[in-house]
């Protein structure tokens, strides 16, 4: 599933392509991907346009020009947003079907036709992703279910200490719990813990003030770098130019189980399960 850096990359790229374009028609092929009454979903979007594209946690949030409505988009595991103008196609999300596959295809479940002849396709192989139209009150209610944005000014060291200190919960579970911190998943939790020298299984209550500070700094710096490098790519993310995220080159533990640690040069990166998630760590560098 794309995490904060990947969704932010898609947001920035698609903003350049879809903002201000009038939606001529909306075609819904798989109704289950629309979490709103279908008739009103189509009626409100047709003739409307996106005036801005934001992100909250792993959600894309498109503000509509008319009707004080917002379109929430969640790619989940295998979602794609593909923009097509003429023969040019750019997309963000899961790389299957791969760039260059004819559009629309059997995975194209929601289609936006714009007045200028361009299109936006919401593809999803496993059909876990969704779109939902909400008003301002509902948007704020949904937003309130998420915790602090780790790249926002509200995400201070003091705020982070309050989230961690005293909790009898493994630190990785705290980092990936969306009600505490919005947008961090498996990749960046593992990388932040490695950078701070902390085992993911450590309870929040066991961390010293210095360790909490190191982890706070690691979370912010790694996420900033990942956004700058357009996210991480293994098999399940491409950016809105169809390119692979470059942060994979900077990963120290995630996806490297069985390989030699790049820091201590001695230990082998181990892999375990924590709360149903695969967890990569160095048993020497992390305590």
C-alpha atoms as a PDB file:
ATOM      1  CA  UNK A   1       0.000   0.000   0.000  1.00  0.00           C
ATOM      2  CA  UNK A   2       1.383   3.447  -0.842  1.00  0.00           C
ATOM      3  CA  UNK A   3       2.388   5.419   2.239  1.00  0.00           C
ATOM      4  CA  UNK A   4       2.641   9.170   2.802  1.00  0.00           C
ATOM      5  CA  UNK A   5       5.547   9.846   0.376  1.00  0.00           C
ATOM      6  CA  UNK A   6       3.951   7.863  -2.459  1.00  0.00           C
ATOM      7  CA  UNK A   7       0.518   9.467  -2.054  1.00  0.00           C
ATOM      8  CA  UNK A   8       2.117  12.912  -1.778  1.00  0.00           C
ATOM      9  CA  UNK A   9       4.037  12.246  -5.006  1.00  0.00           C
ATOM     10  CA  UNK A  10       0.811  11.324  -6.814  1.00  0.00           C
ATOM     11  CA  UNK A  11      -0.907  14.417  -5.396  1.00  0.00           C
ATOM     12  CA  UNK A  12       1.796  16.774  -6.626  1.00  0.00           C
ATOM     13  CA  UNK A  13       1.969  15.226 -10.082  1.00  0.00           C
ATOM     14  CA  UNK A  14      -1.765  14.918 -10.734  1.00  0.00           C
ATOM     15  CA  UNK A  15      -2.355  18.465  -9.485  1.00  0.00           C
ATOM     16  CA  UNK A  16      -0.466  19.674 -12.566  1.00  0.00           C
ATOM     17  CA  UNK A  17      -2.745  17.669 -14.839  1.00  0.00           C
ATOM     18  CA  UNK A  18      -6.325  17.740 -13.534  1.00  0.00           C
ATOM     19  CA  UNK A  19      -6.809  21.010 -11.626  1.00  0.00           C
ATOM     20  CA  UNK A  20      -9.258  23.297 -13.419  1.00  0.00           C
ATOM     21  CA  UNK A  21     -10.388  20.741 -15.999  1.00  0.00           C
ATOM     22  CA  UNK A  22     -14.154  20.475 -16.384  1.00  0.00           C
ATOM     23  CA  UNK A  23     -15.530  16.970 -15.929  1.00  0.00           C
ATOM     24  CA  UNK A  24     -17.751  16.170 -18.898  1.00  0.00           C
ATOM     25  CA  UNK A  25     -18.818  12.713 -17.767  1.00  0.00           C
ATOM     26  CA  UNK A  26     -18.221  10.107 -15.065  1.00  0.00           C
ATOM     27  CA  UNK A  27     -18.517   6.416 -15.899  1.00  0.00           C
ATOM     28  CA  UNK A  28     -18.767   3.941 -13.017  1.00  0.00           C
ATOM     29  CA  UNK A  29     -18.218   0.325 -14.021  1.00  0.00           C
ATOM     30  CA  UNK A  30     -17.709  -1.222 -10.576  1.00  0.00           C
ATOM     31  CA  UNK A  31     -20.218   0.272  -8.148  1.00  0.00           C
ATOM     32  CA  UNK A  32     -18.473  -1.223  -5.113  1.00  0.00           C
ATOM     33  CA  UNK A  33     -15.610   1.261  -5.519  1.00  0.00           C
ATOM     34  CA  UNK A  34     -18.005   4.179  -4.971  1.00  0.00           C
ATOM     35  CA  UNK A  35     -18.860   4.677  -1.309  1.00  0.00           C
ATOM     36  CA  UNK A  36     -21.585   7.217  -2.013  1.00  0.00           C
ATOM     37  CA  UNK A  37     -25.081   6.977  -3.524  1.00  0.00           C
ATOM     38  CA  UNK A  38     -24.235   6.281  -7.156  1.00  0.00           C
ATOM     39  CA  UNK A  39     -26.719   8.629  -8.831  1.00  0.00           C
ATOM     40  CA  UNK A  40     -25.708  11.640  -6.736  1.00  0.00           C
ATOM     41  CA  UNK A  41     -22.014  10.722  -7.154  1.00  0.00           C
ATOM     42  CA  UNK A  42     -22.317  10.965 -10.939  1.00  0.00           C
ATOM     43  CA  UNK A  43     -24.644  13.983 -10.878  1.00  0.00           C
ATOM     44  CA  UNK A  44     -22.441  16.078  -8.577  1.00  0.00           C
ATOM     45  CA  UNK A  45     -19.215  15.311 -10.447  1.00  0.00           C
ATOM     46  CA  UNK A  46     -20.486  15.764 -14.014  1.00  0.00           C
ATOM     47  CA  UNK A  47     -19.995  19.402 -15.044  1.00  0.00           C
ATOM     48  CA  UNK A  48     -17.851  20.082 -12.005  1.00  0.00           C
ATOM     49  CA  UNK A  49     -14.080  20.528 -11.750  1.00  0.00           C
ATOM     50  CA  UNK A  50     -11.284  20.049  -9.248  1.00  0.00           C
ATOM     51  CA  UNK A  51      -9.918  23.281  -7.787  1.00  0.00           C
ATOM     52  CA  UNK A  52      -7.253  21.675  -5.597  1.00  0.00           C
ATOM     53  CA  UNK A  53      -5.850  18.293  -4.677  1.00  0.00           C
ATOM     54  CA  UNK A  54      -4.721  17.687  -1.107  1.00  0.00           C
ATOM     55  CA  UNK A  55      -3.604  14.742   0.990  1.00  0.00           C
ATOM     56  CA  UNK A  56      -4.598  13.587   4.472  1.00  0.00           C
ATOM     57  CA  UNK A  57      -2.693  10.536   5.668  1.00  0.00           C
ATOM     58  CA  UNK A  58      -2.947   8.112   2.719  1.00  0.00           C
ATOM     59  CA  UNK A  59      -6.079   9.762   1.303  1.00  0.00           C
ATOM     60  CA  UNK A  60      -6.185  12.013  -1.746  1.00  0.00           C
ATOM     61  CA  UNK A  61      -8.717  14.810  -1.305  1.00  0.00           C
ATOM     62  CA  UNK A  62     -10.028  16.673  -4.362  1.00  0.00           C
ATOM     63  CA  UNK A  63     -11.955  19.887  -3.682  1.00  0.00           C
ATOM     64  CA  UNK A  64     -14.796  20.474  -6.142  1.00  0.00           C
ATOM     65  CA  UNK A  65     -15.536  23.890  -7.594  1.00  0.00           C
ATOM     66  CA  UNK A  66     -19.298  23.630  -7.113  1.00  0.00           C
ATOM     67  CA  UNK A  67     -21.477  22.255  -4.366  1.00  0.00           C
ATOM     68  CA  UNK A  68     -19.045  22.408  -1.429  1.00  0.00           C
ATOM     69  CA  UNK A  69     -18.137  18.773  -1.913  1.00  0.00           C
ATOM     70  CA  UNK A  70     -14.885  16.845  -1.646  1.00  0.00           C
ATOM     71  CA  UNK A  71     -13.869  13.671  -3.445  1.00  0.00           C
ATOM     72  CA  UNK A  72     -11.908  11.279  -1.241  1.00  0.00           C
ATOM     73  CA  UNK A  73      -9.731   8.745  -3.057  1.00  0.00           C
ATOM     74  CA  UNK A  74      -7.985   5.815  -1.377  1.00  0.00           C
ATOM     75  CA  UNK A  75      -5.793   3.570  -3.524  1.00  0.00           C
ATOM     76  CA  UNK A  76      -5.489   0.844  -0.871  1.00  0.00           C
ATOM     77  CA  UNK A  77      -3.325  -2.095  -2.050  1.00  0.00           C
ATOM     78  CA  UNK A  78      -3.545  -2.089  -5.852  1.00  0.00           C
ATOM     79  CA  UNK A  79      -5.182   1.175  -6.901  1.00  0.00           C
ATOM     80  CA  UNK A  80      -3.978   3.301  -9.820  1.00  0.00           C
ATOM     81  CA  UNK A  81      -4.854   6.802 -10.952  1.00  0.00           C
ATOM     82  CA  UNK A  82      -3.961   7.104 -14.637  1.00  0.00           C
ATOM     83  CA  UNK A  83      -4.259  10.350 -16.571  1.00  0.00           C
ATOM     84  CA  UNK A  84      -4.480  10.145 -20.372  1.00  0.00           C
ATOM     85  CA  UNK A  85      -4.288  12.956 -22.887  1.00  0.00           C
ATOM     86  CA  UNK A  86      -3.985  11.870 -26.497  1.00  0.00           C
ATOM     87  CA  UNK A  87      -1.302   9.213 -26.688  1.00  0.00           C
ATOM     88  CA  UNK A  88       0.355  10.405 -23.491  1.00  0.00           C
ATOM     89  CA  UNK A  89      -0.416   8.444 -20.317  1.00  0.00           C
ATOM     90  CA  UNK A  90       0.891   9.143 -16.833  1.00  0.00           C
ATOM     91  CA  UNK A  91      -0.112   7.387 -13.684  1.00  0.00           C
ATOM     92  CA  UNK A  92       0.446   6.810 -10.030  1.00  0.00           C
ATOM     93  CA  UNK A  93      -0.024   3.755  -7.857  1.00  0.00           C
ATOM     94  CA  UNK A  94       0.337   0.037  -8.378  1.00  0.00           C
ATOM     95  CA  UNK A  95       2.401  -0.864 -11.480  1.00  0.00           C
ATOM     96  CA  UNK A  96      -0.009  -3.561 -12.645  1.00  0.00           C
ATOM     97  CA  UNK A  97      -1.310  -3.369 -15.250  1.00  0.00           C
ATOM     98  CA  UNK A  98       1.986  -1.802 -16.390  1.00  0.00           C
ATOM     99  CA  UNK A  99       2.379   1.600 -18.083  1.00  0.00           C
ATOM    100  CA  UNK A 100       1.533   1.262 -21.752  1.00  0.00           C
ATOM    101  CA  UNK A 101      -1.435  -1.058 -21.215  1.00  0.00           C
ATOM    102  CA  UNK A 102      -4.389   0.030 -23.337  1.00  0.00           C
ATOM    103  CA  UNK A 103      -6.933   2.256 -21.598  1.00  0.00           C
ATOM    104  CA  UNK A 104      -9.566   1.648 -20.531  1.00  0.00           C
ATOM    105  CA  UNK A 105      -8.950  -1.986 -19.603  1.00  0.00           C
ATOM    106  CA  UNK A 106     -10.630  -4.609 -17.430  1.00  0.00           C
ATOM    107  CA  UNK A 107      -9.223  -2.956 -14.300  1.00  0.00           C
ATOM    108  CA  UNK A 108     -10.611   0.516 -15.163  1.00  0.00           C
ATOM    109  CA  UNK A 109     -13.538   0.780 -12.767  1.00  0.00           C
ATOM    110  CA  UNK A 110     -14.208   4.547 -12.627  1.00  0.00           C
ATOM    111  CA  UNK A 111     -13.519   6.892 -15.552  1.00  0.00           C
ATOM    112  CA  UNK A 112     -13.541  10.696 -15.636  1.00  0.00           C
ATOM    113  CA  UNK A 113     -13.893  12.234 -19.105  1.00  0.00           C
ATOM    114  CA  UNK A 114     -12.755  15.872 -19.188  1.00  0.00           C
ATOM    115  CA  UNK A 115     -13.994  18.513 -21.634  1.00  0.00           C
ATOM    116  CA  UNK A 116     -10.608  18.785 -23.322  1.00  0.00           C
ATOM    117  CA  UNK A 117     -10.700  15.110 -24.323  1.00  0.00           C
ATOM    118  CA  UNK A 118      -8.379  13.888 -21.582  1.00  0.00           C
ATOM    119  CA  UNK A 119      -9.322  11.166 -19.092  1.00  0.00           C
ATOM    120  CA  UNK A 120      -8.627  10.056 -15.536  1.00  0.00           C
ATOM    121  CA  UNK A 121      -8.910   6.326 -14.847  1.00  0.00           C
ATOM    122  CA  UNK A 122      -9.264   4.737 -11.435  1.00  0.00           C
ATOM    123  CA  UNK A 123      -7.910   1.220 -11.897  1.00  0.00           C
ATOM    124  CA  UNK A 124      -7.788  -1.408  -9.177  1.00  0.00           C
ATOM    125  CA  UNK A 125      -6.991  -5.096  -9.659  1.00  0.00           C
ATOM    126  CA  UNK A 126      -8.138  -6.251  -6.214  1.00  0.00           C
ATOM    127  CA  UNK A 127     -10.887  -3.636  -5.877  1.00  0.00           C
ATOM    128  CA  UNK A 128     -10.099  -2.561  -2.308  1.00  0.00           C
ATOM    129  CA  UNK A 129      -9.690   1.119  -3.233  1.00  0.00           C
ATOM    130  CA  UNK A 130     -12.565   3.556  -3.234  1.00  0.00           C
ATOM    131  CA  UNK A 131     -13.907   6.996  -4.037  1.00  0.00           C
ATOM    132  CA  UNK A 132     -16.323   8.836  -1.789  1.00  0.00           C
ATOM    133  CA  UNK A 133     -18.052  12.218  -2.045  1.00  0.00           C
ATOM    134  CA  UNK A 134     -18.407  14.071   1.239  1.00  0.00           C
ATOM    135  CA  UNK A 135     -19.444  17.496   2.470  1.00  0.00           C
ATOM    136  CA  UNK A 136     -17.230  19.631   4.691  1.00  0.00           C
ATOM    137  CA  UNK A 137     -18.647  18.262   7.938  1.00  0.00           C
ATOM    138  CA  UNK A 138     -18.111  14.643   6.883  1.00  0.00           C
ATOM    139  CA  UNK A 139     -14.625  15.435   5.585  1.00  0.00           C
ATOM    140  CA  UNK A 140     -13.664  16.962   8.924  1.00  0.00           C
ATOM    141  CA  UNK A 141     -15.113  13.968  10.775  1.00  0.00           C
ATOM    142  CA  UNK A 142     -13.026  11.573   8.677  1.00  0.00           C
ATOM    143  CA  UNK A 143      -9.928  13.750   9.053  1.00  0.00           C
ATOM    144  CA  UNK A 144     -10.393  13.753  12.836  1.00  0.00           C
ATOM    145  CA  UNK A 145      -9.922   9.974  12.867  1.00  0.00           C
ATOM    146  CA  UNK A 146      -6.313  10.455  11.784  1.00  0.00           C
ATOM    147  CA  UNK A 147      -3.461  11.589  13.955  1.00  0.00           C
ATOM    148  CA  UNK A 148      -0.764  14.177  13.373  1.00  0.00           C
ATOM    149  CA  UNK A 149       0.699  14.706   9.923  1.00  0.00           C
ATOM    150  CA  UNK A 150       4.405  13.941  10.448  1.00  0.00           C
ATOM    151  CA  UNK A 151       5.553  16.636   8.021  1.00  0.00           C
ATOM    152  CA  UNK A 152       3.330  19.345   9.492  1.00  0.00           C
ATOM    153  CA  UNK A 153       4.329  22.068  11.944  1.00  0.00           C
ATOM    154  CA  UNK A 154       2.002  20.463  14.520  1.00  0.00           C
ATOM    155  CA  UNK A 155       4.231  17.387  14.613  1.00  0.00           C
ATOM    156  CA  UNK A 156       6.622  18.697  17.243  1.00  0.00           C
ATOM    157  CA  UNK A 157       8.976  16.795  19.522  1.00  0.00           C
ATOM    158  CA  UNK A 158       6.679  17.613  22.438  1.00  0.00           C
ATOM    159  CA  UNK A 159       3.673  16.198  20.589  1.00  0.00           C
ATOM    160  CA  UNK A 160       5.632  13.078  19.633  1.00  0.00           C
ATOM    161  CA  UNK A 161       6.702  12.504  23.241  1.00  0.00           C
ATOM    162  CA  UNK A 162       3.053  12.573  24.314  1.00  0.00           C
ATOM    163  CA  UNK A 163       2.238   9.897  21.739  1.00  0.00           C
ATOM    164  CA  UNK A 164       5.079   7.592  22.794  1.00  0.00           C
ATOM    165  CA  UNK A 165       5.881   8.089  26.471  1.00  0.00           C
ATOM    166  CA  UNK A 166       4.236   5.630  28.844  1.00  0.00           C
ATOM    167  CA  UNK A 167       2.588   3.460  26.193  1.00  0.00           C
ATOM    168  CA  UNK A 168       2.788  -0.291  26.732  1.00  0.00           C
ATOM    169  CA  UNK A 169       2.738  -0.781  22.979  1.00  0.00           C
ATOM    170  CA  UNK A 170       5.548  -1.744  20.580  1.00  0.00           C
ATOM    171  CA  UNK A 171       6.964   1.412  19.043  1.00  0.00           C
ATOM    172  CA  UNK A 172       6.318   0.219  15.490  1.00  0.00           C
ATOM    173  CA  UNK A 173       2.614  -0.196  16.273  1.00  0.00           C
ATOM    174  CA  UNK A 174       2.545   3.378  17.566  1.00  0.00           C
ATOM    175  CA  UNK A 175       4.245   4.695  14.419  1.00  0.00           C
ATOM    176  CA  UNK A 176       1.877   2.838  12.081  1.00  0.00           C
ATOM    177  CA  UNK A 177      -1.337   3.487  14.024  1.00  0.00           C
ATOM    178  CA  UNK A 178      -3.107   6.079  11.879  1.00  0.00           C
ATOM    179  CA  UNK A 179      -4.953   7.556  14.850  1.00  0.00           C
ATOM    180  CA  UNK A 180      -1.591   8.636  16.286  1.00  0.00           C
ATOM    181  CA  UNK A 181       0.476   9.497  13.210  1.00  0.00           C
ATOM    182  CA  UNK A 182      -1.031   9.794   9.730  1.00  0.00           C
ATOM    183  CA  UNK A 183       0.592   8.198   6.718  1.00  0.00           C
ATOM    184  CA  UNK A 184       3.438   6.081   8.092  1.00  0.00           C
ATOM    185  CA  UNK A 185       3.340   2.401   7.146  1.00  0.00           C
ATOM    186  CA  UNK A 186       5.662  -0.576   7.158  1.00  0.00           C
ATOM    187  CA  UNK A 187       8.470   0.847   5.041  1.00  0.00           C
ATOM    188  CA  UNK A 188       9.065   4.116   6.842  1.00  0.00           C
ATOM    189  CA  UNK A 189       8.430   2.738  10.340  1.00  0.00           C
ATOM    190  CA  UNK A 190      11.190   0.164   9.831  1.00  0.00           C
ATOM    191  CA  UNK A 191      13.563   2.714   8.318  1.00  0.00           C
ATOM    192  CA  UNK A 192      12.949   5.257  11.087  1.00  0.00           C
ATOM    193  CA  UNK A 193      13.499   2.677  13.819  1.00  0.00           C
ATOM    194  CA  UNK A 194      16.750   1.570  12.189  1.00  0.00           C
ATOM    195  CA  UNK A 195      17.970   5.158  11.820  1.00  0.00           C
ATOM    196  CA  UNK A 196      17.253   5.755  15.509  1.00  0.00           C
ATOM    197  CA  UNK A 197      18.850   2.443  16.581  1.00  0.00           C
ATOM    198  CA  UNK A 198      15.635   1.193  18.194  1.00  0.00           C
ATOM    199  CA  UNK A 199      14.100  -2.265  17.844  1.00  0.00           C
ATOM    200  CA  UNK A 200      10.524  -2.122  16.585  1.00  0.00           C
ATOM    201  CA  UNK A 201       9.381  -4.424  19.404  1.00  0.00           C
ATOM    202  CA  UNK A 202      10.450  -1.990  22.145  1.00  0.00           C
ATOM    203  CA  UNK A 203       7.520  -0.612  24.124  1.00  0.00           C
ATOM    204  CA  UNK A 204       6.978   3.118  23.952  1.00  0.00           C
ATOM    205  CA  UNK A 205       7.309   3.266  27.732  1.00  0.00           C
ATOM    206  CA  UNK A 206      10.828   1.785  27.531  1.00  0.00           C
ATOM    207  CA  UNK A 207      12.257   4.571  25.368  1.00  0.00           C
ATOM    208  CA  UNK A 208      14.441   7.216  26.971  1.00  0.00           C
ATOM    209  CA  UNK A 209      13.987  10.892  26.153  1.00  0.00           C
ATOM    210  CA  UNK A 210      17.071  10.735  23.950  1.00  0.00           C
ATOM    211  CA  UNK A 211      15.719   7.719  22.056  1.00  0.00           C
ATOM    212  CA  UNK A 212      12.368   9.428  21.537  1.00  0.00           C
ATOM    213  CA  UNK A 213      14.171  12.475  20.163  1.00  0.00           C
ATOM    214  CA  UNK A 214      16.278  10.332  17.811  1.00  0.00           C
ATOM    215  CA  UNK A 215      13.175   8.554  16.534  1.00  0.00           C
ATOM    216  CA  UNK A 216      11.324  11.842  16.039  1.00  0.00           C
ATOM    217  CA  UNK A 217      14.199  13.258  13.988  1.00  0.00           C
ATOM    218  CA  UNK A 218      14.445  10.024  11.990  1.00  0.00           C
ATOM    219  CA  UNK A 219      10.731  10.016  11.123  1.00  0.00           C
ATOM    220  CA  UNK A 220      10.816  13.560   9.792  1.00  0.00           C
ATOM    221  CA  UNK A 221      14.102  13.310   7.902  1.00  0.00           C
ATOM    222  CA  UNK A 222      13.316   9.968   6.253  1.00  0.00           C
ATOM    223  CA  UNK A 223       9.839  11.053   5.157  1.00  0.00           C
ATOM    224  CA  UNK A 224      11.189  14.331   3.751  1.00  0.00           C
ATOM    225  CA  UNK A 225      13.865  12.502   1.805  1.00  0.00           C
ATOM    226  CA  UNK A 226      11.365   9.915   0.550  1.00  0.00           C
ATOM    227  CA  UNK A 227       9.066  12.654  -0.753  1.00  0.00           C
ATOM    228  CA  UNK A 228      12.031  14.336  -2.451  1.00  0.00           C
ATOM    229  CA  UNK A 229      12.938  11.000  -4.079  1.00  0.00           C
ATOM    230  CA  UNK A 230       9.318  10.457  -5.193  1.00  0.00           C
ATOM    231  CA  UNK A 231       8.628   7.539  -2.894  1.00  0.00           C
ATOM    232  CA  UNK A 232       9.779   3.945  -2.686  1.00  0.00           C
ATOM    233  CA  UNK A 233       9.244   1.331  -5.369  1.00  0.00           C
ATOM    234  CA  UNK A 234       9.288  -2.407  -5.021  1.00  0.00           C
ATOM    235  CA  UNK A 235       6.478  -3.989  -6.966  1.00  0.00           C
ATOM    236  CA  UNK A 236       3.554  -1.830  -5.960  1.00  0.00           C
ATOM    237  CA  UNK A 237       4.168   1.837  -6.677  1.00  0.00           C
ATOM    238  CA  UNK A 238       4.849   4.068  -9.649  1.00  0.00           C
ATOM    239  CA  UNK A 239       4.551   7.821  -9.659  1.00  0.00           C
ATOM    240  CA  UNK A 240       2.302   9.903 -11.913  1.00  0.00           C
ATOM    241  CA  UNK A 241       4.896   9.916 -14.665  1.00  0.00           C
ATOM    242  CA  UNK A 242       4.930   6.130 -14.645  1.00  0.00           C
ATOM    243  CA  UNK A 243       8.415   6.233 -13.098  1.00  0.00           C
ATOM    244  CA  UNK A 244       9.634   4.248 -10.134  1.00  0.00           C
ATOM    245  CA  UNK A 245      10.247   5.953  -6.806  1.00  0.00           C
ATOM    246  CA  UNK A 246      13.950   6.434  -6.118  1.00  0.00           C
ATOM    247  CA  UNK A 247      13.975   6.083  -2.327  1.00  0.00           C
ATOM    248  CA  UNK A 248      14.436   2.317  -2.693  1.00  0.00           C
ATOM    249  CA  UNK A 249      18.134   3.079  -3.257  1.00  0.00           C
ATOM    250  CA  UNK A 250      18.358   4.538   0.248  1.00  0.00           C
ATOM    251  CA  UNK A 251      16.600   1.764   2.202  1.00  0.00           C
ATOM    252  CA  UNK A 252      18.724   0.282   4.968  1.00  0.00           C
ATOM    253  CA  UNK A 253      16.541  -2.567   6.276  1.00  0.00           C
ATOM    254  CA  UNK A 254      13.177  -2.783   4.520  1.00  0.00           C
ATOM    255  CA  UNK A 255      13.307  -5.346   1.711  1.00  0.00           C
ATOM    256  CA  UNK A 256      16.883  -6.328   2.653  1.00  0.00           C
ATOM    257  CA  UNK A 257      16.297  -9.406   4.854  1.00  0.00           C
ATOM    258  CA  UNK A 258      19.193 -11.834   4.506  1.00  0.00           C
ATOM    259  CA  UNK A 259      21.602  -9.142   3.325  1.00  0.00           C
ATOM    260  CA  UNK A 260      24.514  -7.626   5.241  1.00  0.00           C
ATOM    261  CA  UNK A 261      23.769  -4.537   7.323  1.00  0.00           C
ATOM    262  CA  UNK A 262      25.007  -1.406   5.585  1.00  0.00           C
ATOM    263  CA  UNK A 263      25.861   0.274   8.889  1.00  0.00           C
ATOM    264  CA  UNK A 264      27.737  -2.273  11.014  1.00  0.00           C
ATOM    265  CA  UNK A 265      28.895  -4.323   7.984  1.00  0.00           C
ATOM    266  CA  UNK A 266      28.739  -7.468  10.155  1.00  0.00           C
ATOM    267  CA  UNK A 267      25.215  -8.515  10.991  1.00  0.00           C
ATOM    268  CA  UNK A 268      22.633  -9.885   8.578  1.00  0.00           C
ATOM    269  CA  UNK A 269      19.295  -8.061   8.348  1.00  0.00           C
ATOM    270  CA  UNK A 270      16.617 -10.180  10.031  1.00  0.00           C
ATOM    271  CA  UNK A 271      12.913 -10.429   9.288  1.00  0.00           C
ATOM    272  CA  UNK A 272      10.107 -11.170  11.742  1.00  0.00           C
ATOM    273  CA  UNK A 273       6.378 -10.556  12.206  1.00  0.00           C
ATOM    274  CA  UNK A 274       4.938  -7.889  14.471  1.00  0.00           C
ATOM    275  CA  UNK A 275       1.206  -7.350  14.655  1.00  0.00           C
ATOM    276  CA  UNK A 276       0.712  -9.085  11.325  1.00  0.00           C
ATOM    277  CA  UNK A 277       3.351  -6.949   9.610  1.00  0.00           C
ATOM    278  CA  UNK A 278       6.708  -8.081   8.274  1.00  0.00           C
ATOM    279  CA  UNK A 279       9.449  -6.283  10.166  1.00  0.00           C
ATOM    280  CA  UNK A 280      13.073  -5.877   9.047  1.00  0.00           C
ATOM    281  CA  UNK A 281      15.829  -4.963  11.495  1.00  0.00           C
ATOM    282  CA  UNK A 282      19.511  -5.266  12.361  1.00  0.00           C
ATOM    283  CA  UNK A 283      20.002  -7.184  15.640  1.00  0.00           C
ATOM    284  CA  UNK A 284      23.321  -5.403  16.227  1.00  0.00           C
ATOM    285  CA  UNK A 285      22.478  -1.789  15.349  1.00  0.00           C
ATOM    286  CA  UNK A 286      19.020  -1.789  16.939  1.00  0.00           C
ATOM    287  CA  UNK A 287      18.501  -2.288  20.665  1.00  0.00           C
END
